[in-house]
C-alpha atoms as a PDB file:
ATOM      1  CA  UNK A   1      39.968 -24.248  -9.659  1.00  0.00           C
ATOM      2  CA  UNK A   2      38.056 -24.818 -12.898  1.00  0.00           C
ATOM      3  CA  UNK A   3      39.661 -24.041 -16.169  1.00  0.00           C
ATOM      4  CA  UNK A   4      38.209 -20.438 -16.460  1.00  0.00           C
ATOM      5  CA  UNK A   5      34.682 -20.026 -17.746  1.00  0.00           C
ATOM      6  CA  UNK A   6      33.947 -16.669 -18.384  1.00  0.00           C
ATOM      7  CA  UNK A   7      34.209 -13.192 -16.946  1.00  0.00           C
ATOM      8  CA  UNK A   8      31.758 -11.247 -14.907  1.00  0.00           C
ATOM      9  CA  UNK A   9      31.275  -7.841 -14.781  1.00  0.00           C
ATOM     10  CA  UNK A  10      30.258  -6.711 -10.991  1.00  0.00           C
ATOM     11  CA  UNK A  11      28.379  -3.535 -10.820  1.00  0.00           C
ATOM     12  CA  UNK A  12      27.035  -2.052  -7.186  1.00  0.00           C
ATOM     13  CA  UNK A  13      24.096  -0.172  -6.117  1.00  0.00           C
ATOM     14  CA  UNK A  14      23.130   3.011  -4.874  1.00  0.00           C
ATOM     15  CA  UNK A  15      25.415   4.766  -2.423  1.00  0.00           C
ATOM     16  CA  UNK A  16      27.456   1.074  -2.460  1.00  0.00           C
ATOM     17  CA  UNK A  17      30.640   0.708  -4.027  1.00  0.00           C
ATOM     18  CA  UNK A  18      32.962  -2.023  -5.676  1.00  0.00           C
ATOM     19  CA  UNK A  19      34.483  -3.593  -2.621  1.00  0.00           C
ATOM     20  CA  UNK A  20      31.327  -3.441  -0.394  1.00  0.00           C
ATOM     21  CA  UNK A  21      29.161  -5.072  -3.354  1.00  0.00           C
ATOM     22  CA  UNK A  22      32.038  -7.562  -3.170  1.00  0.00           C
ATOM     23  CA  UNK A  23      31.633  -8.240   0.248  1.00  0.00           C
ATOM     24  CA  UNK A  24      27.904  -7.804   0.061  1.00  0.00           C
ATOM     25  CA  UNK A  25      27.570 -10.756  -2.819  1.00  0.00           C
ATOM     26  CA  UNK A  26      30.419 -13.407  -0.938  1.00  0.00           C
ATOM     27  CA  UNK A  27      29.202 -16.036  -0.813  1.00  0.00           C
ATOM     28  CA  UNK A  28      27.805 -16.143  -4.492  1.00  0.00           C
ATOM     29  CA  UNK A  29      31.689 -15.015  -5.341  1.00  0.00           C
ATOM     30  CA  UNK A  30      33.367 -17.127  -3.942  1.00  0.00           C
ATOM     31  CA  UNK A  31      31.231 -19.694  -5.624  1.00  0.00           C
ATOM     32  CA  UNK A  32      31.800 -18.509  -8.787  1.00  0.00           C
ATOM     33  CA  UNK A  33      35.106 -18.298  -8.336  1.00  0.00           C
ATOM     34  CA  UNK A  34      35.082 -22.191  -7.559  1.00  0.00           C
ATOM     35  CA  UNK A  35      33.826 -22.911 -10.783  1.00  0.00           C
ATOM     36  CA  UNK A  36      35.976 -21.385 -12.585  1.00  0.00           C
ATOM     37  CA  UNK A  37      34.493 -17.591 -13.002  1.00  0.00           C
ATOM     38  CA  UNK A  38      36.144 -14.327 -12.697  1.00  0.00           C
ATOM     39  CA  UNK A  39      34.697 -11.541 -10.347  1.00  0.00           C
ATOM     40  CA  UNK A  40      35.513  -8.140 -11.668  1.00  0.00           C
ATOM     41  CA  UNK A  41      34.178  -5.258  -9.578  1.00  0.00           C
ATOM     42  CA  UNK A  42      33.903  -1.820 -10.533  1.00  0.00           C
ATOM     43  CA  UNK A  43      33.543   1.581  -8.870  1.00  0.00           C
ATOM     44  CA  UNK A  44      30.745   3.784 -10.264  1.00  0.00           C
ATOM     45  CA  UNK A  45      32.306   6.862 -10.813  1.00  0.00           C
ATOM     46  CA  UNK A  46      29.651  10.037  -9.457  1.00  0.00           C
ATOM     47  CA  UNK A  47      30.938  10.253  -6.032  1.00  0.00           C
ATOM     48  CA  UNK A  48      28.724  11.139  -2.920  1.00  0.00           C
ATOM     49  CA  UNK A  49      28.090  13.068   0.003  1.00  0.00           C
ATOM     50  CA  UNK A  50      25.475  13.482   2.810  1.00  0.00           C
ATOM     51  CA  UNK A  51      23.342  16.003   0.882  1.00  0.00           C
ATOM     52  CA  UNK A  52      22.525  13.197  -1.592  1.00  0.00           C
ATOM     53  CA  UNK A  53      21.985  10.376   0.659  1.00  0.00           C
ATOM     54  CA  UNK A  54      18.329   8.808   1.216  1.00  0.00           C
ATOM     55  CA  UNK A  55      19.379   8.353   4.734  1.00  0.00           C
ATOM     56  CA  UNK A  56      20.530  10.360   7.713  1.00  0.00           C
ATOM     57  CA  UNK A  57      24.264  10.084   8.332  1.00  0.00           C
ATOM     58  CA  UNK A  58      24.705  12.212  11.750  1.00  0.00           C
ATOM     59  CA  UNK A  59      24.174   8.959  13.525  1.00  0.00           C
ATOM     60  CA  UNK A  60      26.813   7.022  11.968  1.00  0.00           C
ATOM     61  CA  UNK A  61      29.611   5.498  13.307  1.00  0.00           C
ATOM     62  CA  UNK A  62      33.533   6.752  12.339  1.00  0.00           C
ATOM     63  CA  UNK A  63      34.539   3.307  11.118  1.00  0.00           C
ATOM     64  CA  UNK A  64      31.231   3.037   9.365  1.00  0.00           C
ATOM     65  CA  UNK A  65      31.735   2.702   4.872  1.00  0.00           C
ATOM     66  CA  UNK A  66      31.317   6.247   3.570  1.00  0.00           C
ATOM     67  CA  UNK A  67      32.626   5.422  -0.214  1.00  0.00           C
ATOM     68  CA  UNK A  68      29.271   6.534  -1.731  1.00  0.00           C
ATOM     69  CA  UNK A  69      28.759   6.209  -4.919  1.00  0.00           C
ATOM     70  CA  UNK A  70      26.211   6.478  -8.071  1.00  0.00           C
ATOM     71  CA  UNK A  71      25.856   5.233 -11.567  1.00  0.00           C
ATOM     72  CA  UNK A  72      24.432   8.484 -12.155  1.00  0.00           C
ATOM     73  CA  UNK A  73      23.713  12.182 -11.045  1.00  0.00           C
ATOM     74  CA  UNK A  74      20.305  11.527  -8.982  1.00  0.00           C
ATOM     75  CA  UNK A  75      19.929  14.833  -7.942  1.00  0.00           C
ATOM     76  CA  UNK A  76      17.288  16.875 -10.848  1.00  0.00           C
ATOM     77  CA  UNK A  77      19.091  20.480 -10.006  1.00  0.00           C
ATOM     78  CA  UNK A  78      21.754  19.551 -11.695  1.00  0.00           C
ATOM     79  CA  UNK A  79      22.836  19.734 -15.440  1.00  0.00           C
ATOM     80  CA  UNK A  80      24.220  16.257 -15.661  1.00  0.00           C
ATOM     81  CA  UNK A  81      21.594  14.852 -14.306  1.00  0.00           C
ATOM     82  CA  UNK A  82      20.976  10.974 -15.243  1.00  0.00           C
ATOM     83  CA  UNK A  83      23.318  11.526 -17.807  1.00  0.00           C
ATOM     84  CA  UNK A  84      25.234   7.793 -18.076  1.00  0.00           C
ATOM     85  CA  UNK A  85      28.036   8.934 -19.817  1.00  0.00           C
ATOM     86  CA  UNK A  86      30.185   8.861 -17.423  1.00  0.00           C
ATOM     87  CA  UNK A  87      29.078   5.592 -16.509  1.00  0.00           C
ATOM     88  CA  UNK A  88      29.828   3.855 -19.851  1.00  0.00           C
ATOM     89  CA  UNK A  89      33.141   5.204 -19.325  1.00  0.00           C
ATOM     90  CA  UNK A  90      33.647   3.817 -16.435  1.00  0.00           C
ATOM     91  CA  UNK A  91      32.475   0.024 -18.203  1.00  0.00           C
ATOM     92  CA  UNK A  92      34.930   1.855 -20.382  1.00  0.00           C
ATOM     93  CA  UNK A  93      37.784   1.783 -18.885  1.00  0.00           C
ATOM     94  CA  UNK A  94      36.911  -1.818 -17.268  1.00  0.00           C
ATOM     95  CA  UNK A  95      36.675  -3.453 -20.796  1.00  0.00           C
ATOM     96  CA  UNK A  96      40.348  -1.975 -21.545  1.00  0.00           C
ATOM     97  CA  UNK A  97      41.587  -3.084 -18.353  1.00  0.00           C
ATOM     98  CA  UNK A  98      39.967  -6.258 -17.663  1.00  0.00           C
ATOM     99  CA  UNK A  99      37.772  -7.306 -20.537  1.00  0.00           C
ATOM    100  CA  UNK A 100      36.263  -8.071 -22.791  1.00  0.00           C
ATOM    101  CA  UNK A 101      33.580  -9.567 -20.334  1.00  0.00           C
ATOM    102  CA  UNK A 102      31.294 -12.655 -21.152  1.00  0.00           C
ATOM    103  CA  UNK A 103      28.513 -11.344 -18.927  1.00  0.00           C
ATOM    104  CA  UNK A 104      26.699  -8.921 -16.084  1.00  0.00           C
ATOM    105  CA  UNK A 105      25.747  -8.963 -12.444  1.00  0.00           C
ATOM    106  CA  UNK A 106      24.327  -5.934 -11.256  1.00  0.00           C
ATOM    107  CA  UNK A 107      21.865  -4.775  -7.693  1.00  0.00           C
ATOM    108  CA  UNK A 108      19.499  -2.525  -7.709  1.00  0.00           C
ATOM    109  CA  UNK A 109      20.718   0.691  -9.584  1.00  0.00           C
ATOM    110  CA  UNK A 110      23.415  -1.473 -10.832  1.00  0.00           C
ATOM    111  CA  UNK A 111      21.141  -3.830 -12.286  1.00  0.00           C
ATOM    112  CA  UNK A 112      19.663  -0.978 -14.272  1.00  0.00           C
ATOM    113  CA  UNK A 113      23.108  -0.133 -15.496  1.00  0.00           C
ATOM    114  CA  UNK A 114      22.865  -3.910 -15.975  1.00  0.00           C
ATOM    115  CA  UNK A 115      19.687  -4.174 -18.220  1.00  0.00           C
ATOM    116  CA  UNK A 116      21.713  -1.075 -20.540  1.00  0.00           C
ATOM    117  CA  UNK A 117      25.129  -3.174 -20.817  1.00  0.00           C
ATOM    118  CA  UNK A 118      23.269  -6.372 -21.957  1.00  0.00           C
ATOM    119  CA  UNK A 119      21.998  -4.110 -24.766  1.00  0.00           C
ATOM    120  CA  UNK A 120      24.404  -1.658 -25.839  1.00  0.00           C
ATOM    121  CA  UNK A 121      28.279  -3.341 -23.831  1.00  0.00           C
ATOM    122  CA  UNK A 122      29.424  -4.309 -27.468  1.00  0.00           C
ATOM    123  CA  UNK A 123      29.118  -0.394 -28.543  1.00  0.00           C
ATOM    124  CA  UNK A 124      31.625   0.713 -25.725  1.00  0.00           C
ATOM    125  CA  UNK A 125      34.776  -1.231 -27.437  1.00  0.00           C
ATOM    126  CA  UNK A 126      36.021  -2.387 -30.240  1.00  0.00           C
ATOM    127  CA  UNK A 127      37.396  -5.859 -28.229  1.00  0.00           C
ATOM    128  CA  UNK A 128      33.681  -6.158 -26.807  1.00  0.00           C
ATOM    129  CA  UNK A 129      31.461  -8.311 -27.981  1.00  0.00           C
ATOM    130  CA  UNK A 130      27.445  -8.755 -26.882  1.00  0.00           C
ATOM    131  CA  UNK A 131      27.843 -10.428 -23.292  1.00  0.00           C
ATOM    132  CA  UNK A 132      26.207 -13.873 -23.190  1.00  0.00           C
ATOM    133  CA  UNK A 133      23.916 -12.778 -19.847  1.00  0.00           C
ATOM    134  CA  UNK A 134      22.830 -10.599 -17.328  1.00  0.00           C
ATOM    135  CA  UNK A 135      22.398 -11.249 -13.719  1.00  0.00           C
ATOM    136  CA  UNK A 136      19.480  -8.638 -12.589  1.00  0.00           C
ATOM    137  CA  UNK A 137      19.238  -8.521  -8.590  1.00  0.00           C
ATOM    138  CA  UNK A 138      16.790  -6.036  -8.120  1.00  0.00           C
ATOM    139  CA  UNK A 139      16.875  -4.074 -10.826  1.00  0.00           C
ATOM    140  CA  UNK A 140      14.673  -1.424 -12.913  1.00  0.00           C
ATOM    141  CA  UNK A 141      13.642   0.069 -16.257  1.00  0.00           C
ATOM    142  CA  UNK A 142      16.115   3.444 -16.758  1.00  0.00           C
ATOM    143  CA  UNK A 143      13.207   6.419 -16.664  1.00  0.00           C
ATOM    144  CA  UNK A 144      14.974   9.009 -19.077  1.00  0.00           C
ATOM    145  CA  UNK A 145      13.235   9.502 -22.615  1.00  0.00           C
ATOM    146  CA  UNK A 146      16.455   9.328 -24.715  1.00  0.00           C
ATOM    147  CA  UNK A 147      17.697   5.899 -23.581  1.00  0.00           C
ATOM    148  CA  UNK A 148      14.231   3.705 -24.295  1.00  0.00           C
ATOM    149  CA  UNK A 149      15.746   3.407 -27.433  1.00  0.00           C
ATOM    150  CA  UNK A 150      18.006   0.647 -25.913  1.00  0.00           C
ATOM    151  CA  UNK A 151      15.282  -1.427 -25.084  1.00  0.00           C
ATOM    152  CA  UNK A 152      14.035  -1.199 -28.749  1.00  0.00           C
ATOM    153  CA  UNK A 153      13.894  -4.327 -29.808  1.00  0.00           C
ATOM    154  CA  UNK A 154      13.624  -6.099 -26.882  1.00  0.00           C
ATOM    155  CA  UNK A 155      16.806  -7.182 -24.845  1.00  0.00           C
ATOM    156  CA  UNK A 156      18.196 -10.481 -25.941  1.00  0.00           C
ATOM    157  CA  UNK A 157      20.693 -11.401 -24.044  1.00  0.00           C
ATOM    158  CA  UNK A 158      19.535 -14.448 -21.470  1.00  0.00           C
ATOM    159  CA  UNK A 159      18.504 -12.808 -18.938  1.00  0.00           C
ATOM    160  CA  UNK A 160      17.709 -13.770 -15.125  1.00  0.00           C
ATOM    161  CA  UNK A 161      16.101 -11.719 -13.141  1.00  0.00           C
ATOM    162  CA  UNK A 162      16.061 -11.656  -9.337  1.00  0.00           C
ATOM    163  CA  UNK A 163      13.260  -9.969  -6.951  1.00  0.00           C
ATOM    164  CA  UNK A 164      13.181 -10.252  -3.071  1.00  0.00           C
ATOM    165  CA  UNK A 165       9.051 -10.176  -2.681  1.00  0.00           C
ATOM    166  CA  UNK A 166       9.777  -8.145   0.577  1.00  0.00           C
ATOM    167  CA  UNK A 167      11.106  -5.849  -1.175  1.00  0.00           C
ATOM    168  CA  UNK A 168      10.025  -2.365   0.067  1.00  0.00           C
ATOM    169  CA  UNK A 169      12.518   0.216  -2.135  1.00  0.00           C
ATOM    170  CA  UNK A 170      12.383  -1.428  -5.587  1.00  0.00           C
ATOM    171  CA  UNK A 171       8.732  -2.683  -6.279  1.00  0.00           C
ATOM    172  CA  UNK A 172       8.158  -5.592  -8.148  1.00  0.00           C
ATOM    173  CA  UNK A 173       5.963  -3.579 -10.655  1.00  0.00           C
ATOM    174  CA  UNK A 174       9.039  -1.033 -11.182  1.00  0.00           C
ATOM    175  CA  UNK A 175      10.912  -4.682 -12.313  1.00  0.00           C
ATOM    176  CA  UNK A 176       8.919  -5.418 -14.109  1.00  0.00           C
ATOM    177  CA  UNK A 177       9.971  -2.821 -15.996  1.00  0.00           C
ATOM    178  CA  UNK A 178      13.226  -3.750 -16.580  1.00  0.00           C
ATOM    179  CA  UNK A 179      11.311  -7.699 -16.983  1.00  0.00           C
ATOM    180  CA  UNK A 180       9.289  -6.458 -19.899  1.00  0.00           C
ATOM    181  CA  UNK A 181      12.412  -4.713 -21.829  1.00  0.00           C
ATOM    182  CA  UNK A 182      13.807  -8.563 -22.145  1.00  0.00           C
ATOM    183  CA  UNK A 183      12.842 -10.791 -24.543  1.00  0.00           C
ATOM    184  CA  UNK A 184      10.561 -13.421 -23.408  1.00  0.00           C
ATOM    185  CA  UNK A 185      12.406 -16.457 -25.252  1.00  0.00           C
ATOM    186  CA  UNK A 186      15.470 -15.961 -23.148  1.00  0.00           C
ATOM    187  CA  UNK A 187      14.670 -13.749 -20.064  1.00  0.00           C
ATOM    188  CA  UNK A 188      14.148 -15.594 -16.414  1.00  0.00           C
ATOM    189  CA  UNK A 189      12.967 -14.791 -13.210  1.00  0.00           C
ATOM    190  CA  UNK A 190      13.096 -16.064  -9.765  1.00  0.00           C
ATOM    191  CA  UNK A 191      12.117 -14.735  -6.896  1.00  0.00           C
ATOM    192  CA  UNK A 192      13.488 -15.216  -2.823  1.00  0.00           C
ATOM    193  CA  UNK A 193      11.491 -14.478   0.362  1.00  0.00           C
ATOM    194  CA  UNK A 194      13.462 -11.827   1.410  1.00  0.00           C
ATOM    195  CA  UNK A 195      13.746  -7.728   0.929  1.00  0.00           C
ATOM    196  CA  UNK A 196      16.140  -5.617  -1.107  1.00  0.00           C
ATOM    197  CA  UNK A 197      19.956  -7.543  -1.319  1.00  0.00           C
ATOM    198  CA  UNK A 198      21.193  -9.942  -2.901  1.00  0.00           C
ATOM    199  CA  UNK A 199      20.918 -13.588  -1.678  1.00  0.00           C
ATOM    200  CA  UNK A 200      23.982 -15.580  -0.457  1.00  0.00           C
ATOM    201  CA  UNK A 201      22.269 -18.603   0.959  1.00  0.00           C
ATOM    202  CA  UNK A 202      23.939 -21.853  -0.445  1.00  0.00           C
ATOM    203  CA  UNK A 203      20.324 -23.028  -2.220  1.00  0.00           C
ATOM    204  CA  UNK A 204      19.995 -19.434  -3.899  1.00  0.00           C
ATOM    205  CA  UNK A 205      23.594 -19.796  -5.263  1.00  0.00           C
ATOM    206  CA  UNK A 206      23.572 -23.067  -6.696  1.00  0.00           C
ATOM    207  CA  UNK A 207      20.827 -22.051  -8.386  1.00  0.00           C
ATOM    208  CA  UNK A 208      22.490 -18.663 -10.184  1.00  0.00           C
ATOM    209  CA  UNK A 209      25.481 -21.053 -11.428  1.00  0.00           C
ATOM    210  CA  UNK A 210      22.869 -23.198 -12.679  1.00  0.00           C
ATOM    211  CA  UNK A 211      21.588 -20.885 -14.692  1.00  0.00           C
ATOM    212  CA  UNK A 212      24.488 -19.387 -15.290  1.00  0.00           C
ATOM    213  CA  UNK A 213      26.199 -22.894 -17.020  1.00  0.00           C
ATOM    214  CA  UNK A 214      23.214 -23.393 -18.956  1.00  0.00           C
ATOM    215  CA  UNK A 215      23.106 -19.600 -19.999  1.00  0.00           C
ATOM    216  CA  UNK A 216      26.354 -19.849 -21.314  1.00  0.00           C
ATOM    217  CA  UNK A 217      25.932 -22.941 -23.773  1.00  0.00           C
ATOM    218  CA  UNK A 218      25.788 -22.441 -27.166  1.00  0.00           C
ATOM    219  CA  UNK A 219      22.043 -22.456 -28.657  1.00  0.00           C
ATOM    220  CA  UNK A 220      22.261 -26.094 -29.426  1.00  0.00           C
ATOM    221  CA  UNK A 221      23.670 -27.401 -26.221  1.00  0.00           C
ATOM    222  CA  UNK A 222      20.704 -25.173 -24.348  1.00  0.00           C
ATOM    223  CA  UNK A 223      17.770 -25.997 -25.852  1.00  0.00           C
ATOM    224  CA  UNK A 224      19.352 -30.149 -25.413  1.00  0.00           C
ATOM    225  CA  UNK A 225      19.307 -29.100 -21.398  1.00  0.00           C
ATOM    226  CA  UNK A 226      15.632 -26.799 -21.174  1.00  0.00           C
ATOM    227  CA  UNK A 227      13.857 -29.612 -19.458  1.00  0.00           C
ATOM    228  CA  UNK A 228      16.572 -29.003 -16.262  1.00  0.00           C
ATOM    229  CA  UNK A 229      15.385 -26.287 -15.922  1.00  0.00           C
ATOM    230  CA  UNK A 230      12.135 -27.033 -14.063  1.00  0.00           C
ATOM    231  CA  UNK A 231      13.186 -26.705 -10.532  1.00  0.00           C
ATOM    232  CA  UNK A 232      12.542 -22.516 -11.256  1.00  0.00           C
ATOM    233  CA  UNK A 233       8.555 -23.365 -12.038  1.00  0.00           C
ATOM    234  CA  UNK A 234       8.394 -24.119  -8.181  1.00  0.00           C
ATOM    235  CA  UNK A 235      10.565 -20.752  -6.830  1.00  0.00           C
ATOM    236  CA  UNK A 236       8.749 -18.886  -9.389  1.00  0.00           C
ATOM    237  CA  UNK A 237      10.723 -18.742 -12.188  1.00  0.00           C
ATOM    238  CA  UNK A 238      10.526 -18.244 -15.890  1.00  0.00           C
END
């Protein structure tokens, strides 16, 4: 394995868990580890029960994964609805145990949380500086008014926004809300011809790693290499 290039914090989607997200991103994870990145998957703090879920659980096989978690309470009738305190505590614990982290990767609800961390993670723990990059799969901008300050001024962290052209769970319009919350000088977008998932194709994984390699460089190195990223224009990037 190559020398360590950085530590990446992975945030799973709604109704998933850290272990399930690790399985669903296996090709990407293995390729990252081969390149020298360390990948850390954590669980969201809110445990879900069947009534909280957006699908019927009555027909689930007994072997089905029922470790359902969320980064915040989604039931509007509960007093802690959409509060991020517990999510911040989970990230703070991860920093204490395995940090500091160089970047964050999130899927769906986890990407929304990762967007917040691109702005705020350095405020959670004294040993954690701002992350260098964030990869946001099918993300969206969190809604509560009290958290809009996290996006003012726009997020300056290097961000890669990955959208599925057939995503019917998080619409492109919602994903553009997070995209527009990021500085136009440091944001990149690519699209894949699929739905609401993290693609694991070889070409896609190569593109992700290539972007990370560039985003992790200092500003002078990145400027020298910026012409190498014309490939993203061809697949809907920039």
